[in-house]
Amino acid sequence: MITVNEYFDGAVKSLGYENNGKSTVGVIDAGEYEFGTSTHETMIIVEGTMQVLLDGQTDWKNFNAGEKFEVDANSSFKVKVVGQVSYLCKYN
């Protein structure tokens, strides 16, 4: 089954699915957002550039298409996006 997710008044949208575990594929519009996690996440940037501030860190890091970062369970992370970014998020 495919689920539809929408956050921040439609500025972040994704489709959730299961294929060897849970995943979402989505698009983030330009802006700044903070996300919370309940499980470990691996975020893969498909297109565009995303600045990320992981929980407990003080330096923002840039991630471009083809790069990934990991987020611990039960934490949060912030993102800054200048142009639209597409991503694949795997939950494990």
Protein backbone atom coordinates (compact mmCIF):
# COMPACT_ATOMS: atom_id res chain seq x y z
CA MET A 1 0.00 0.00 0.00
CA ILE A 2 1.19 3.51 -0.83
CA THR A 3 0.65 6.25 1.75
CA VAL A 4 0.59 9.98 1.04
CA ASN A 5 2.30 12.31 3.53
CA GLU A 6 2.16 16.09 3.64
CA TYR A 7 3.94 18.40 6.10
CA PHE A 8 4.49 22.14 6.63
CA ASP A 9 1.34 23.25 4.76
CA GLY A 10 2.27 21.18 1.70
CA ALA A 11 5.90 22.35 1.41
CA VAL A 12 7.07 18.76 2.05
CA LYS A 13 5.29 15.86 0.38
CA SER A 14 6.17 12.19 0.18
CA LEU A 15 4.88 8.79 -0.80
CA GLY A 16 5.47 5.94 1.63
CA TYR A 17 5.87 2.31 0.60
CA GLU A 18 7.33 -1.00 1.75
CA ASN A 19 9.99 -2.86 -0.21
CA ASN A 20 12.53 -4.66 1.98
CA GLY A 21 11.52 -2.29 4.78
CA LYS A 22 9.72 1.04 5.00
CA SER A 23 10.72 3.95 2.76
CA THR A 24 9.45 7.29 1.54
CA VAL A 25 10.28 9.22 -1.59
CA GLY A 26 9.50 12.91 -1.56
CA VAL A 27 10.10 16.52 -2.45
CA ILE A 28 10.97 19.44 -0.17
CA ASP A 29 10.22 22.99 -1.31
CA ALA A 30 12.55 25.89 -0.56
CA GLY A 31 12.61 26.80 3.15
CA GLU A 32 13.79 25.68 6.59
CA TYR A 33 12.24 22.72 8.39
CA GLU A 34 12.76 20.57 11.48
CA PHE A 35 11.88 16.88 11.52
CA GLY A 36 11.63 14.41 14.39
CA THR A 37 12.43 10.71 14.13
CA SER A 38 11.10 7.64 15.87
CA THR A 39 13.32 5.15 14.03
CA HIS A 40 16.79 5.27 12.48
CA GLU A 41 16.66 6.98 9.06
CA THR A 42 18.97 7.03 6.07
CA MET A 43 18.29 10.02 3.82
CA ILE A 44 19.56 9.87 0.24
CA ILE A 45 19.46 13.05 -1.81
CA VAL A 46 18.12 12.25 -5.27
CA GLU A 47 18.24 15.74 -6.79
CA GLY A 48 19.29 19.15 -5.49
CA THR A 49 21.23 20.26 -2.41
CA MET A 50 20.14 20.13 1.23
CA GLN A 51 21.86 21.74 4.21
CA VAL A 52 21.46 19.58 7.32
CA LEU A 53 21.98 20.19 11.04
CA LEU A 54 21.86 16.91 12.94
CA ASP A 55 20.75 16.74 16.57
CA GLY A 56 23.59 17.66 18.94
CA GLN A 57 25.78 19.21 16.22
CA THR A 58 26.58 22.89 15.67
CA ASP A 59 27.79 22.87 12.05
CA TRP A 60 25.46 22.66 9.05
CA LYS A 61 26.59 20.21 6.34
CA ASN A 62 25.73 20.24 2.63
CA PHE A 63 24.46 17.08 0.95
CA ASN A 64 24.13 16.92 -2.83
CA ALA A 65 22.48 14.50 -5.24
CA GLY A 66 23.83 10.98 -4.68
CA GLU A 67 24.97 11.68 -1.11
CA LYS A 68 23.34 10.42 2.07
CA PHE A 69 23.25 11.03 5.81
CA GLU A 70 21.93 9.08 8.76
CA VAL A 71 19.71 10.21 11.61
CA ASP A 72 19.46 8.43 14.95
CA ALA A 73 16.13 7.16 16.24
CA ASN A 74 14.26 9.43 18.66
CA SER A 75 16.11 12.57 17.63
CA SER A 76 15.55 15.53 15.33
CA PHE A 77 17.30 17.27 12.47
CA LYS A 78 16.95 20.58 10.65
CA VAL A 79 17.19 21.19 6.92
CA LYS A 80 17.60 24.29 4.76
CA VAL A 81 16.63 24.06 1.10
CA VAL A 82 17.22 26.83 -1.46
CA GLY A 83 15.52 25.09 -4.42
CA GLN A 84 13.33 22.02 -4.51
CA VAL A 85 15.07 18.81 -3.39
CA SER A 86 13.98 15.23 -3.92
CA TYR A 87 14.95 12.48 -1.51
CA LEU A 88 14.61 8.83 -0.61
CA CYS A 89 14.33 8.02 3.08
CA LYS A 90 14.83 4.49 4.36
CA TYR A 91 13.65 3.61 7.87
CA ASN A 92 15.38 0.86 9.85
